[in-house]
Amino acid sequence: MMKWEQLLSAGRADFKKKSKASQEQYRSEFERDYDRIIFSAPFRNLQDKTQVFPLPELDFVHTRLTHSLEVSSVGRSLGKSAGEYLLEKYPELNQRGVGSSDIGAIVAAAALTHDIGNPPFGHAGEDAISDFFKFHPSGQVWKTHLRKDEWEDMINFEGNAQGFRMLVDKDNGLQVCYATLAAFTKYPRPALIDQRDPDRRSQKKFGFFSNHLGVYQQLADMLGLSLSGQNSWHRHPLAFLVEAADDICYSIIDLEDGCTLGLVQLEEAIPLLAEIIGDKFQEEKLNSLKSSAQKLAILRAMAIGKLVEETVATFRLYEEAMLKGEFDQALTDCIPSADALEKITKLSVKKIYRSQPVLEKEAAGFQVLEGLLEVFSTALYNQYYDTQNFSGKDKSILRLLPETFKMNKEMQMPYILLRNLIDFISGMTDKYALSLYRKVKGIALPGT
């Protein structure tokens, strides 16, 4: 059984050396995590990455940045409220100097990074990277140079695992606290495992690439995370709150964006949100508001508030089962409003996620990422594995790689080459990816 005293360790996940706790008096270690993340370049780049609507032309449509800030805000509320319960139940945490604000800060920081590994063009970008290695000839040539577990990483690109890599990378990682990193990891397993249990939420996807298995093993040892199978672990209990914060926000906020863009009628959204709000919903008061934006804003706030209350109550109910590894579901699937959220999801899939503007721009995203991967991976392959075809064009293309793409001996290993190439491409903003694609394909020249 996992223990909260160990799970809330403030040790810092710098796996290169033994880290020392900060001597700062005005910030806890977990608050430092939040500040490190919010001032980092990868987080800043989320301002031009797709949430639902790729390359949004209107400033009121959410990007990954605004979504992440909102998820973090909800996560802090969930963590702080759950923390008050934990401190009451486990008074020894107080004696160790843990406060409810610390637990809120862990969830807030982990939630802030929950999309930090997502590539341009949203989930379509993840599929585009995976499909390149599955189906494109320029991607498939790498298969014979990789181990089975490494190839699984390539054909199943996962934003969560990319985010883990960005947090622990030995040169550029943020080295957040152990507890924050574990709360971030919703899927504590690599891509390739002997057997996946489809009934366990934590095994739905994977949370770290094969070369970080040892890092996660070290993290699990530090925090006392228990194994659920070979090379797979039970979630850190706070990861359930991070997931819930994301589920709450995208369900409600995507519906709000859909209404704002006219894809969903306000009359369709009101009863769905009212079902969540329950007795506090007042139709007369809502009708007294003049604009649709005002109506949506008040409904959104009330719905999120109710969902937070229900989620914390459900967390309290299953907290001990989480420590034993016996609970492995999404909290929002277990709350009283679960049916209402499912109705919102079905409407969003039909009218928002499969709307013409979204589908058209996702299709463009597939072309852009496939094109970038084809050009750069071919140049790298020719340089190291098909030297007779290494051309002047390839040399020119490779000069476009960032300075951090250093060609030392370790970098020339095929898996490391591809990992760093994917770092480069997945880290791009939507607009930069499109701009670079047009240039390397000769569609546009610099300055045009």
Protein backbone atom coordinates (compact mmCIF):
# COMPACT_ATOMS: atom_id res chain seq x y z
CA MET A 1 0.00 0.00 0.00
CA MET A 2 1.36 3.42 -0.97
CA LYS A 3 1.95 6.00 1.77
CA TRP A 4 1.14 9.71 1.50
CA GLU A 5 4.24 10.73 3.46
CA GLN A 6 6.39 9.21 0.71
CA LEU A 7 4.09 10.15 -2.18
CA LEU A 8 4.39 13.86 -1.33
CA SER A 9 8.18 13.98 -1.40
CA ALA A 10 9.55 17.42 -2.25
CA GLY A 11 12.76 15.91 -3.65
CA ARG A 12 13.60 17.27 -7.07
CA ALA A 13 13.73 15.02 -10.12
CA ASP A 14 17.17 15.95 -11.36
CA PHE A 15 18.33 12.45 -12.26
CA LYS A 16 21.86 13.58 -13.10
CA LYS A 17 22.80 14.35 -9.52
CA LYS A 18 21.43 14.40 -6.00
CA SER A 19 19.47 17.64 -5.64
CA LYS A 20 19.24 19.82 -2.59
CA ALA A 21 16.07 21.45 -1.33
CA SER A 22 15.83 25.18 -1.90
CA GLN A 23 16.42 27.45 1.08
CA GLU A 24 13.82 29.95 -0.13
CA GLN A 25 11.34 30.99 2.53
CA TYR A 26 8.66 32.47 0.32
CA ARG A 27 8.14 29.58 -2.11
CA SER A 28 7.67 25.88 -1.49
CA GLU A 29 9.41 23.37 -3.77
CA PHE A 30 6.08 22.72 -5.49
CA GLU A 31 5.46 26.43 -6.06
CA ARG A 32 8.92 26.60 -7.61
CA ASP A 33 7.81 23.87 -10.02
CA TYR A 34 4.90 26.03 -11.13
CA ASP A 35 7.17 29.03 -11.69
CA ARG A 36 9.77 27.02 -13.60
CA ILE A 37 7.09 25.72 -15.94
CA ILE A 38 5.29 28.99 -16.59
CA PHE A 39 8.53 30.80 -17.51
CA SER A 40 9.79 28.00 -19.77
CA ALA A 41 9.95 28.18 -23.56
CA PRO A 42 8.01 24.91 -24.15
CA PHE A 43 5.11 26.25 -22.09
CA ARG A 44 5.23 29.60 -23.85
CA ASN A 45 5.01 27.83 -27.23
CA LEU A 46 1.59 26.46 -26.27
CA GLN A 47 0.13 29.86 -27.13
CA ASP A 48 0.24 28.86 -30.81
CA LYS A 49 -0.67 25.20 -30.58
CA THR A 50 -4.04 23.75 -31.42
CA GLN A 51 -6.57 22.97 -28.73
CA VAL A 52 -9.60 22.10 -30.88
CA PHE A 53 -9.48 24.64 -33.69
CA PRO A 54 -6.11 24.52 -35.52
CA LEU A 55 -4.57 27.90 -36.35
CA PRO A 56 -7.49 29.83 -34.78
CA GLU A 57 -8.30 33.10 -36.50
CA LEU A 58 -10.33 34.45 -33.59
CA ASP A 59 -8.71 35.34 -30.27
CA PHE A 60 -11.55 33.95 -28.15
CA VAL A 61 -10.89 30.38 -29.26
CA HIS A 62 -8.80 28.47 -26.75
CA THR A 63 -5.23 27.44 -27.53
CA ARG A 64 -3.18 24.87 -25.63
CA LEU A 65 -1.85 27.74 -23.50
CA THR A 66 -5.20 29.10 -22.30
CA HIS A 67 -6.50 25.55 -21.87
CA SER A 68 -3.47 24.59 -19.76
CA LEU A 69 -3.85 27.66 -17.55
CA GLU A 70 -7.51 26.84 -16.97
CA VAL A 71 -6.77 23.17 -16.24
CA SER A 72 -4.12 24.27 -13.76
CA SER A 73 -6.58 26.61 -12.03
CA VAL A 74 -9.15 23.84 -11.67
CA GLY A 75 -6.38 21.43 -10.63
CA ARG A 76 -5.31 23.74 -7.82
CA SER A 77 -8.88 23.85 -6.50
CA LEU A 78 -9.16 20.07 -6.66
CA GLY A 79 -5.78 19.54 -5.01
CA LYS A 80 -6.28 22.04 -2.24
CA SER A 81 -9.73 20.71 -1.37
CA ALA A 82 -8.54 17.10 -1.47
CA GLY A 83 -5.52 18.18 0.58
CA GLU A 84 -7.70 19.49 3.38
CA TYR A 85 -9.32 16.07 3.59
CA LEU A 86 -5.96 14.28 3.59
CA LEU A 87 -4.53 16.48 6.34
CA GLU A 88 -7.56 15.81 8.49
CA LYS A 89 -7.33 12.06 7.88
CA TYR A 90 -3.53 11.81 8.17
CA PRO A 91 -2.38 14.28 10.88
CA GLU A 92 1.20 13.03 10.51
CA LEU A 93 1.36 15.00 7.23
CA ASN A 94 0.96 18.20 9.26
CA GLN A 95 3.86 17.14 11.42
CA ARG A 96 6.00 16.80 8.29
CA GLY A 97 5.15 20.37 7.27
CA VAL A 98 2.77 19.47 4.43
CA GLY A 99 -0.12 21.90 3.92
CA SER A 100 -3.20 21.71 1.72
CA SER A 101 -1.69 24.47 -0.41
CA ASP A 102 1.28 22.17 -1.14
CA ILE A 103 -1.04 19.48 -2.48
CA GLY A 104 -2.87 22.11 -4.51
CA ALA A 105 0.47 23.33 -5.89
CA ILE A 106 1.49 19.79 -6.96
CA VAL A 107 -1.72 19.28 -8.91
CA ALA A 108 -1.60 22.82 -10.35
CA ALA A 109 1.99 22.38 -11.60
CA ALA A 110 1.36 18.92 -13.04
CA ALA A 111 -1.82 20.17 -14.73
CA LEU A 112 0.07 23.14 -16.17
CA THR A 113 2.35 20.71 -18.04
CA HIS A 114 -0.25 18.13 -19.01
CA ASP A 115 -0.15 19.16 -22.71
CA ILE A 116 3.46 20.35 -22.87
CA GLY A 117 4.48 17.39 -25.05
CA ASN A 118 1.71 17.78 -27.62
CA PRO A 119 2.88 18.43 -31.20
CA PRO A 120 1.43 21.02 -33.60
CA PHE A 121 -2.14 20.46 -34.81
CA GLY A 122 -3.39 18.68 -31.69
CA HIS A 123 -4.22 14.98 -31.69
CA ALA A 124 -3.99 14.97 -35.48
CA GLY A 125 -0.32 15.85 -35.01
CA GLU A 126 0.20 12.78 -32.80
CA ASP A 127 -1.40 10.57 -35.44
CA ALA A 128 0.63 12.20 -38.22
CA ILE A 129 3.94 11.38 -36.48
CA SER A 130 2.85 7.81 -35.76
CA ASP A 131 1.55 7.27 -39.30
CA PHE A 132 4.78 8.55 -40.84
CA PHE A 133 6.71 5.65 -39.31
CA LYS A 134 3.90 3.12 -39.80
CA PHE A 135 3.16 3.81 -43.45
CA HIS A 136 5.57 6.23 -45.15
CA PRO A 137 8.56 4.65 -46.95
CA SER A 138 10.90 7.32 -45.51
CA GLY A 139 9.76 6.36 -42.03
CA GLN A 140 9.73 2.59 -42.47
CA VAL A 141 13.40 2.45 -43.51
CA TRP A 142 14.35 3.11 -39.88
CA LYS A 143 12.66 -0.04 -38.55
CA THR A 144 15.63 -2.36 -39.10
CA HIS A 145 17.88 0.02 -37.13
CA LEU A 146 15.73 0.01 -33.98
CA ARG A 147 14.91 -2.47 -31.22
CA LYS A 148 11.32 -3.64 -30.91
CA ASP A 149 10.57 -1.36 -27.96
CA GLU A 150 12.16 1.62 -29.72
CA TRP A 151 10.09 0.99 -32.85
CA GLU A 152 6.91 0.88 -30.73
CA ASP A 153 7.76 4.39 -29.52
CA MET A 154 7.99 5.59 -33.13
CA ILE A 155 4.77 4.08 -34.47
CA ASN A 156 2.79 5.15 -31.40
CA PHE A 157 3.82 8.75 -30.79
CA GLU A 158 2.32 9.88 -27.49
CA GLY A 159 2.17 13.49 -26.28
CA ASN A 160 2.17 12.35 -22.64
CA ALA A 161 5.46 10.49 -23.11
CA GLN A 162 6.92 13.45 -25.01
CA GLY A 163 5.93 15.67 -22.09
CA PHE A 164 7.66 13.32 -19.63
CA ARG A 165 10.79 13.50 -21.80
CA MET A 166 10.68 17.30 -21.74
CA LEU A 167 10.41 17.33 -17.95
CA VAL A 168 13.32 14.94 -17.29
CA ASP A 169 15.65 15.51 -20.26
CA LYS A 170 19.19 15.54 -18.88
CA ASP A 171 20.15 18.74 -20.71
CA ASN A 172 17.01 20.83 -21.05
CA GLY A 173 14.46 19.25 -18.70
CA LEU A 174 12.71 21.27 -16.01
CA GLN A 175 13.64 18.81 -13.23
CA VAL A 176 10.39 19.24 -11.32
CA CYS A 177 9.77 17.58 -7.95
CA TYR A 178 9.26 13.82 -7.79
CA ALA A 179 5.65 14.27 -6.65
CA THR A 180 4.87 16.70 -9.48
CA LEU A 181 6.40 14.41 -12.10
CA ALA A 182 4.44 11.41 -10.80
CA ALA A 183 1.19 13.40 -10.70
CA PHE A 184 1.85 14.42 -14.32
CA THR A 185 2.27 10.76 -15.39
CA LYS A 186 -1.27 9.54 -16.00
CA TYR A 187 -0.08 6.44 -17.85
CA PRO A 188 2.87 4.97 -15.89
CA ARG A 189 4.08 2.43 -18.45
CA PRO A 190 6.17 2.35 -21.67
CA ALA A 191 4.66 1.65 -25.09
CA LEU A 192 5.70 -2.01 -25.15
CA ILE A 193 4.52 -4.18 -22.26
CA ASP A 194 3.79 -7.90 -22.12
CA GLN A 195 0.11 -7.50 -21.34
CA ARG A 196 -2.18 -4.48 -21.19
CA ASP A 197 -5.30 -4.49 -19.04
CA PRO A 198 -7.98 -2.57 -21.01
CA ASP A 199 -10.04 -2.09 -17.84
CA ARG A 200 -7.32 -0.04 -16.17
CA ARG A 201 -7.49 3.63 -17.10
CA SER A 202 -3.76 4.05 -16.41
CA GLN A 203 -2.92 1.57 -19.19
CA LYS A 204 -5.07 3.19 -21.88
CA LYS A 205 -1.97 4.95 -23.27
CA PHE A 206 1.69 5.07 -22.29
CA GLY A 207 3.45 7.76 -20.31
CA PHE A 208 7.17 7.53 -21.11
CA PHE A 209 9.39 6.31 -23.94
CA SER A 210 11.50 3.16 -23.69
CA ASN A 211 14.71 5.07 -22.92
CA HIS A 212 13.07 6.54 -19.81
CA LEU A 213 12.01 3.25 -18.24
CA GLY A 214 14.93 3.41 -15.82
CA VAL A 215 14.07 7.00 -14.92
CA TYR A 216 10.52 6.04 -14.04
CA GLN A 217 11.72 3.04 -12.04
CA GLN A 218 13.88 5.41 -10.00
CA LEU A 219 10.94 7.79 -9.55
CA ALA A 220 8.69 4.92 -8.44
CA ASP A 221 11.28 3.81 -5.89
CA MET A 222 11.59 7.34 -4.53
CA LEU A 223 7.83 7.69 -4.01
CA GLY A 224 6.91 4.10 -3.20
CA LEU A 225 4.68 3.65 -6.25
CA SER A 226 3.54 0.04 -6.49
CA LEU A 227 3.78 -2.18 -9.56
CA SER A 228 0.62 -3.20 -11.43
CA GLY A 229 2.50 -5.55 -13.78
CA GLN A 230 5.87 -5.93 -15.47
CA ASN A 231 7.16 -2.43 -16.31
CA SER A 232 3.84 -0.81 -15.35
CA TRP A 233 2.88 0.91 -12.13
CA HIS A 234 -0.19 2.10 -10.27
CA ARG A 235 -0.87 5.79 -10.67
CA HIS A 236 0.16 8.36 -8.12
CA PRO A 237 -3.25 9.24 -6.56
CA LEU A 238 -2.89 12.93 -7.47
CA ALA A 239 -2.67 11.94 -11.16
CA PHE A 240 -6.40 11.20 -10.94
CA LEU A 241 -7.01 14.84 -9.99
CA VAL A 242 -4.83 16.12 -12.84
CA GLU A 243 -6.81 13.98 -15.27
CA ALA A 244 -10.11 15.17 -13.79
CA ALA A 245 -9.09 18.83 -14.14
CA ASP A 246 -8.40 18.25 -17.84
CA ASP A 247 -11.65 16.30 -18.35
CA ILE A 248 -13.71 19.02 -16.67
CA CYS A 249 -12.14 21.84 -18.65
CA TYR A 250 -12.19 20.37 -22.12
CA SER A 251 -15.77 19.14 -21.71
CA ILE A 252 -17.14 22.52 -20.63
CA ILE A 253 -14.75 24.88 -22.44
CA ASP A 254 -14.91 23.10 -25.81
CA LEU A 255 -18.70 23.35 -25.62
CA GLU A 256 -18.38 27.06 -24.87
CA ASP A 257 -16.04 27.54 -27.85
CA GLY A 258 -18.44 25.58 -30.05
CA CYS A 259 -21.25 27.93 -29.08
CA THR A 260 -19.09 31.00 -29.62
CA LEU A 261 -18.23 29.86 -33.15
CA GLY A 262 -21.83 29.00 -33.95
CA LEU A 263 -21.22 25.26 -34.29
CA VAL A 264 -23.53 24.57 -31.33
CA GLN A 265 -26.68 26.55 -30.61
CA LEU A 266 -26.96 28.16 -27.18
CA GLU A 267 -30.36 26.48 -26.80
CA GLU A 268 -28.62 23.09 -27.11
CA ALA A 269 -25.94 23.90 -24.55
CA ILE A 270 -28.12 25.39 -21.80
CA PRO A 271 -30.00 22.20 -20.80
CA LEU A 272 -26.75 20.19 -20.80
CA LEU A 273 -25.05 22.63 -18.45
CA ALA A 274 -28.21 23.05 -16.39
CA GLU A 275 -28.26 19.28 -15.79
CA ILE A 276 -24.85 19.60 -14.11
CA ILE A 277 -25.68 22.75 -12.17
CA GLY A 278 -28.84 21.20 -10.75
CA ASP A 279 -30.90 23.12 -8.18
CA LYS A 280 -28.71 26.23 -8.46
CA PHE A 281 -29.75 26.75 -12.08
CA GLN A 282 -32.12 29.73 -12.35
CA GLU A 283 -33.64 30.21 -15.78
CA GLU A 284 -35.10 33.63 -14.97
CA LYS A 285 -31.75 34.98 -13.82
CA LEU A 286 -30.08 33.56 -16.93
CA ASN A 287 -32.65 35.20 -19.20
CA SER A 288 -31.99 38.56 -17.54
CA LEU A 289 -28.49 38.56 -19.01
CA LYS A 290 -28.28 40.38 -22.33
CA SER A 291 -25.61 38.57 -24.34
CA SER A 292 -24.97 34.94 -25.15
CA ALA A 293 -21.38 35.39 -23.99
CA GLN A 294 -22.56 36.43 -20.53
CA LYS A 295 -24.92 33.49 -20.35
CA LEU A 296 -22.20 31.06 -21.38
CA ALA A 297 -19.75 32.54 -18.88
CA ILE A 298 -22.07 32.16 -15.88
CA LEU A 299 -23.14 28.67 -16.90
CA ARG A 300 -19.52 27.64 -17.43
CA ALA A 301 -18.44 28.92 -14.01
CA MET A 302 -21.33 27.25 -12.20
CA ALA A 303 -20.89 23.94 -14.02
CA ILE A 304 -17.15 23.80 -13.32
CA GLY A 305 -17.77 24.65 -9.66
CA LYS A 306 -20.25 21.80 -9.33
CA LEU A 307 -17.94 19.35 -11.10
CA VAL A 308 -15.09 20.26 -8.76
CA GLU A 309 -17.29 19.55 -5.73
CA GLU A 310 -18.38 16.18 -7.11
CA THR A 311 -14.83 15.20 -8.09
CA VAL A 312 -13.39 15.94 -4.65
CA ALA A 313 -16.19 13.97 -2.99
CA THR A 314 -15.43 11.02 -5.29
CA PHE A 315 -11.70 11.29 -4.60
CA ARG A 316 -12.41 11.06 -0.87
CA LEU A 317 -14.53 7.99 -1.46
CA TYR A 318 -11.85 6.11 -3.41
CA GLU A 319 -8.66 7.52 -1.86
CA GLU A 320 -7.77 4.37 0.08
CA ALA A 321 -8.47 2.20 -2.96
CA MET A 322 -6.06 4.40 -4.95
CA LEU A 323 -3.33 3.82 -2.38
CA LYS A 324 -3.88 0.07 -2.74
CA GLY A 325 -3.91 0.27 -6.54
CA GLU A 326 -7.48 -1.03 -6.60
CA PHE A 327 -9.08 2.07 -8.16
CA ASP A 328 -8.16 2.77 -11.77
CA GLN A 329 -10.89 4.78 -13.47
CA ALA A 330 -11.39 8.39 -14.48
CA LEU A 331 -12.90 10.23 -11.52
CA THR A 332 -15.27 12.07 -13.86
CA ASP A 333 -16.71 8.70 -14.90
CA CYS A 334 -17.72 8.09 -11.28
CA ILE A 335 -19.31 11.42 -10.32
CA PRO A 336 -23.10 12.11 -10.30
CA SER A 337 -22.73 14.30 -13.40
CA ALA A 338 -21.02 11.58 -15.44
CA ASP A 339 -24.07 11.06 -17.67
CA ALA A 340 -24.36 14.78 -18.34
CA LEU A 341 -20.68 14.94 -19.31
CA GLU A 342 -21.19 12.01 -21.66
CA LYS A 343 -24.03 13.88 -23.39
CA ILE A 344 -21.76 16.90 -23.82
CA THR A 345 -19.02 14.68 -25.27
CA LYS A 346 -21.39 13.12 -27.81
CA LEU A 347 -22.62 16.55 -28.91
CA SER A 348 -19.05 17.90 -29.12
CA VAL A 349 -17.90 14.96 -31.26
CA LYS A 350 -20.78 15.44 -33.67
CA LYS A 351 -20.84 19.21 -33.99
CA ILE A 352 -17.38 20.43 -32.95
CA TYR A 353 -14.63 17.82 -33.34
CA ARG A 354 -16.02 16.64 -36.69
CA SER A 355 -17.00 20.05 -37.99
CA GLN A 356 -15.76 21.04 -41.45
CA PRO A 357 -13.26 23.72 -40.30
CA VAL A 358 -11.66 21.34 -37.79
CA LEU A 359 -11.43 18.44 -40.23
CA GLU A 360 -9.98 20.61 -43.01
CA LYS A 361 -7.26 22.05 -40.82
CA GLU A 362 -6.42 18.67 -39.28
CA ALA A 363 -5.97 17.28 -42.79
CA ALA A 364 -3.57 20.12 -43.52
CA GLY A 365 -1.71 19.26 -40.32
CA PHE A 366 -1.16 15.69 -41.53
CA GLN A 367 0.42 17.01 -44.72
CA VAL A 368 2.65 19.51 -42.90
CA LEU A 369 4.08 17.10 -40.31
CA GLU A 370 4.50 14.25 -42.79
CA GLY A 371 6.30 16.63 -45.14
CA LEU A 372 8.67 17.90 -42.44
CA LEU A 373 9.46 14.39 -41.19
CA GLU A 374 10.07 13.16 -44.73
CA VAL A 375 12.54 15.91 -45.56
CA PHE A 376 14.55 15.86 -42.35
CA SER A 377 14.53 12.11 -41.68
CA THR A 378 15.59 11.35 -45.25
CA ALA A 379 18.53 13.75 -44.95
CA LEU A 380 19.60 12.14 -41.67
CA TYR A 381 19.21 8.63 -43.06
CA ASN A 382 21.25 9.44 -46.15
CA GLN A 383 23.99 11.02 -44.05
CA TYR A 384 24.51 7.97 -41.83
CA TYR A 385 23.01 4.90 -43.54
CA ASP A 386 22.81 5.58 -47.29
CA THR A 387 25.84 7.79 -47.82
CA GLN A 388 25.99 7.29 -51.60
CA ASN A 389 22.71 9.21 -51.84
CA PHE A 390 23.70 11.97 -49.41
CA SER A 391 23.15 15.06 -51.58
CA GLY A 392 23.70 18.78 -51.47
CA LYS A 393 19.99 19.12 -50.79
CA ASP A 394 20.35 16.90 -47.72
CA LYS A 395 23.27 19.00 -46.45
CA SER A 396 21.22 22.16 -46.87
CA ILE A 397 18.24 20.64 -45.05
CA LEU A 398 20.36 19.50 -42.09
CA ARG A 399 21.70 23.03 -41.63
CA LEU A 400 18.14 24.02 -40.68
CA LEU A 401 18.24 21.83 -37.58
CA PRO A 402 18.68 23.78 -34.31
CA GLU A 403 22.07 24.24 -32.65
CA THR A 404 20.99 21.86 -29.89
CA PHE A 405 21.00 19.08 -32.51
CA LYS A 406 24.65 18.25 -31.91
CA MET A 407 26.14 15.45 -33.99
CA ASN A 408 28.26 13.78 -31.32
CA LYS A 409 28.81 10.02 -31.21
CA GLU A 410 25.77 9.33 -29.00
CA MET A 411 23.57 11.48 -31.23
CA GLN A 412 24.39 9.28 -34.20
CA MET A 413 22.60 6.28 -32.68
CA PRO A 414 19.43 5.81 -34.77
CA TYR A 415 16.96 5.97 -31.86
CA ILE A 416 18.60 9.09 -30.44
CA LEU A 417 18.67 10.70 -33.90
CA LEU A 418 14.94 10.17 -34.30
CA ARG A 419 14.10 11.18 -30.73
CA ASN A 420 15.87 14.50 -31.21
CA LEU A 421 14.29 15.04 -34.62
CA ILE A 422 10.85 14.47 -33.11
CA ASP A 423 11.75 16.85 -30.26
CA PHE A 424 12.42 19.50 -32.90
CA ILE A 425 9.25 18.93 -34.92
CA SER A 426 6.82 18.24 -32.08
CA GLY A 427 8.07 21.33 -30.26
CA MET A 428 7.10 23.64 -33.13
CA THR A 429 4.12 25.94 -32.97
CA ASP A 430 1.41 25.44 -35.58
CA LYS A 431 2.40 28.54 -37.53
CA TYR A 432 6.13 27.81 -37.48
CA ALA A 433 5.53 24.23 -38.66
CA LEU A 434 3.42 25.51 -41.55
CA SER A 435 5.95 28.21 -42.43
CA LEU A 436 8.93 25.84 -42.40
CA TYR A 437 7.02 23.22 -44.40
CA ARG A 438 6.27 25.75 -47.13
CA LYS A 439 9.93 26.77 -47.29
CA VAL A 440 11.54 23.31 -47.37
CA LYS A 441 9.01 22.22 -49.99
CA GLY A 442 9.72 25.29 -52.12
CA ILE A 443 6.15 26.56 -51.83
CA ALA A 444 7.30 29.86 -50.34
CA LEU A 445 10.61 31.68 -49.97
CA PRO A 446 11.79 33.39 -46.76
CA GLY A 447 10.08 36.74 -46.36
CA THR A 448 7.05 35.76 -48.47
